[in-house]
Amino acid sequence: MTPLLREVGAPGPRDYEIKARSRLTELTSLQEIEYIDFLPILNDAENSESLYRDRIRLSPAGNQMVSQTICYAIRRFG
């Protein structure tokens, strides 16, 4: 799941977004579904704002980062 730009950095996601993310993580774990939460990845990015086109949509650089992360996960988990 890719977060909205306002979720990245401070002050972070809103309470209902934290709850939804937690529920999704729990569900995917119970169902043994590989899940990538991009919030921590984007929080670690040097200039995360450049990875967004606007408040919602990723920029070409953001899409490239997501694609590379998914490719890495596919190779790692098969």
C-alpha atoms as a PDB file:
ATOM      1  CA  MET A   1       0.000   0.000   0.000  1.00  0.00           C
ATOM      2  CA  THR A   2       1.384   3.412  -0.893  1.00  0.00           C
ATOM      3  CA  PRO A   3       0.492   6.143   1.593  1.00  0.00           C
ATOM      4  CA  LEU A   4      -0.754   9.623   0.844  1.00  0.00           C
ATOM      5  CA  LEU A   5       1.978  12.254   0.856  1.00  0.00           C
ATOM      6  CA  ARG A   6       0.623  13.764   4.092  1.00  0.00           C
ATOM      7  CA  GLU A   7       1.167  10.415   5.860  1.00  0.00           C
ATOM      8  CA  VAL A   8       4.896  10.490   5.125  1.00  0.00           C
ATOM      9  CA  GLY A   9       7.002  12.191   7.791  1.00  0.00           C
ATOM     10  CA  ALA A  10       5.543  14.222  10.643  1.00  0.00           C
ATOM     11  CA  PRO A  11       2.846  14.229  11.882  1.00  0.00           C
ATOM     12  CA  GLY A  12       2.289  10.884  10.113  1.00  0.00           C
ATOM     13  CA  PRO A  13      -0.890   8.948   9.391  1.00  0.00           C
ATOM     14  CA  ARG A  14      -4.172   9.711  11.091  1.00  0.00           C
ATOM     15  CA  ASP A  15      -5.559   7.302  13.682  1.00  0.00           C
ATOM     16  CA  TYR A  16      -8.012   5.664  11.273  1.00  0.00           C
ATOM     17  CA  GLU A  17      -5.213   5.145   8.726  1.00  0.00           C
ATOM     18  CA  ILE A  18      -3.015   3.525  11.364  1.00  0.00           C
ATOM     19  CA  LYS A  19      -5.901   1.239  12.325  1.00  0.00           C
ATOM     20  CA  ALA A  20      -6.628   0.318   8.688  1.00  0.00           C
ATOM     21  CA  ARG A  21      -2.948  -0.387   8.003  1.00  0.00           C
ATOM     22  CA  SER A  22      -2.746  -2.551  11.125  1.00  0.00           C
ATOM     23  CA  ARG A  23      -5.853  -4.524  10.166  1.00  0.00           C
ATOM     24  CA  LEU A  24      -4.531  -5.080   6.639  1.00  0.00           C
ATOM     25  CA  THR A  25      -1.164  -6.234   8.003  1.00  0.00           C
ATOM     26  CA  GLU A  26      -2.927  -8.662  10.349  1.00  0.00           C
ATOM     27  CA  LEU A  27      -5.174 -10.022   7.583  1.00  0.00           C
ATOM     28  CA  THR A  28      -2.336 -10.563   5.124  1.00  0.00           C
ATOM     29  CA  SER A  29      -0.284 -12.257   7.820  1.00  0.00           C
ATOM     30  CA  LEU A  30      -3.122 -14.612   8.775  1.00  0.00           C
ATOM     31  CA  GLN A  31      -3.743 -15.461   5.121  1.00  0.00           C
ATOM     32  CA  GLU A  32       0.001 -15.814   4.430  1.00  0.00           C
ATOM     33  CA  ILE A  33      -0.148 -13.120   1.753  1.00  0.00           C
ATOM     34  CA  GLU A  34       3.042 -11.205   1.108  1.00  0.00           C
ATOM     35  CA  TYR A  35       2.352  -7.518   1.780  1.00  0.00           C
ATOM     36  CA  ILE A  36       4.568  -4.494   1.282  1.00  0.00           C
ATOM     37  CA  ASP A  37       3.764  -1.414   3.346  1.00  0.00           C
ATOM     38  CA  PHE A  38       5.477   1.490   1.613  1.00  0.00           C
ATOM     39  CA  LEU A  39       5.041   3.949   4.494  1.00  0.00           C
ATOM     40  CA  PRO A  40       8.281   2.962   6.266  1.00  0.00           C
ATOM     41  CA  ILE A  41      10.104   2.845   2.927  1.00  0.00           C
ATOM     42  CA  LEU A  42       8.932   6.337   1.988  1.00  0.00           C
ATOM     43  CA  ASN A  43       9.702   7.620   5.483  1.00  0.00           C
ATOM     44  CA  ASP A  44      13.287   6.449   4.965  1.00  0.00           C
ATOM     45  CA  ALA A  45      13.585   8.034   1.505  1.00  0.00           C
ATOM     46  CA  GLU A  46      15.784  11.129   1.380  1.00  0.00           C
ATOM     47  CA  ASN A  47      13.402  13.340  -0.580  1.00  0.00           C
ATOM     48  CA  SER A  48      10.068  11.545  -0.401  1.00  0.00           C
ATOM     49  CA  GLU A  49       8.205  14.577  -1.754  1.00  0.00           C
ATOM     50  CA  SER A  50       9.929  14.066  -5.118  1.00  0.00           C
ATOM     51  CA  LEU A  51       8.326  10.616  -5.288  1.00  0.00           C
ATOM     52  CA  TYR A  52       4.851  12.170  -5.512  1.00  0.00           C
ATOM     53  CA  ARG A  53       3.214  13.999  -8.406  1.00  0.00           C
ATOM     54  CA  ASP A  54       0.628  15.492  -6.049  1.00  0.00           C
ATOM     55  CA  ARG A  55      -0.869  14.635  -2.641  1.00  0.00           C
ATOM     56  CA  ILE A  56      -2.059  11.226  -3.857  1.00  0.00           C
ATOM     57  CA  ARG A  57      -0.337  10.089  -7.043  1.00  0.00           C
ATOM     58  CA  LEU A  58       3.238   8.915  -7.285  1.00  0.00           C
ATOM     59  CA  SER A  59       5.617  10.593  -9.707  1.00  0.00           C
ATOM     60  CA  PRO A  60       7.536   8.571 -12.313  1.00  0.00           C
ATOM     61  CA  ALA A  61      10.376   8.313  -9.769  1.00  0.00           C
ATOM     62  CA  GLY A  62       7.915   7.091  -7.132  1.00  0.00           C
ATOM     63  CA  ASN A  63       6.481   4.495  -9.489  1.00  0.00           C
ATOM     64  CA  GLN A  64      10.009   3.355 -10.324  1.00  0.00           C
ATOM     65  CA  MET A  65      10.809   2.939  -6.620  1.00  0.00           C
ATOM     66  CA  VAL A  66       7.613   0.932  -6.063  1.00  0.00           C
ATOM     67  CA  SER A  67       8.356  -1.253  -9.112  1.00  0.00           C
ATOM     68  CA  GLN A  68      11.897  -1.948  -7.943  1.00  0.00           C
ATOM     69  CA  THR A  69      10.680  -2.829  -4.450  1.00  0.00           C
ATOM     70  CA  ILE A  70       8.059  -5.236  -5.812  1.00  0.00           C
ATOM     71  CA  CYS A  71      10.617  -6.854  -8.154  1.00  0.00           C
ATOM     72  CA  TYR A  72      12.995  -7.318  -5.231  1.00  0.00           C
ATOM     73  CA  ALA A  73      10.215  -8.903  -3.155  1.00  0.00           C
ATOM     74  CA  ILE A  74       9.271 -11.281  -5.985  1.00  0.00           C
ATOM     75  CA  ARG A  75      12.881 -12.417  -6.329  1.00  0.00           C
ATOM     76  CA  ARG A  76      13.268 -12.770  -2.580  1.00  0.00           C
ATOM     77  CA  PHE A  77      10.043 -14.633  -1.849  1.00  0.00           C
ATOM     78  CA  GLY A  78       9.597 -16.408  -5.166  1.00  0.00           C
END
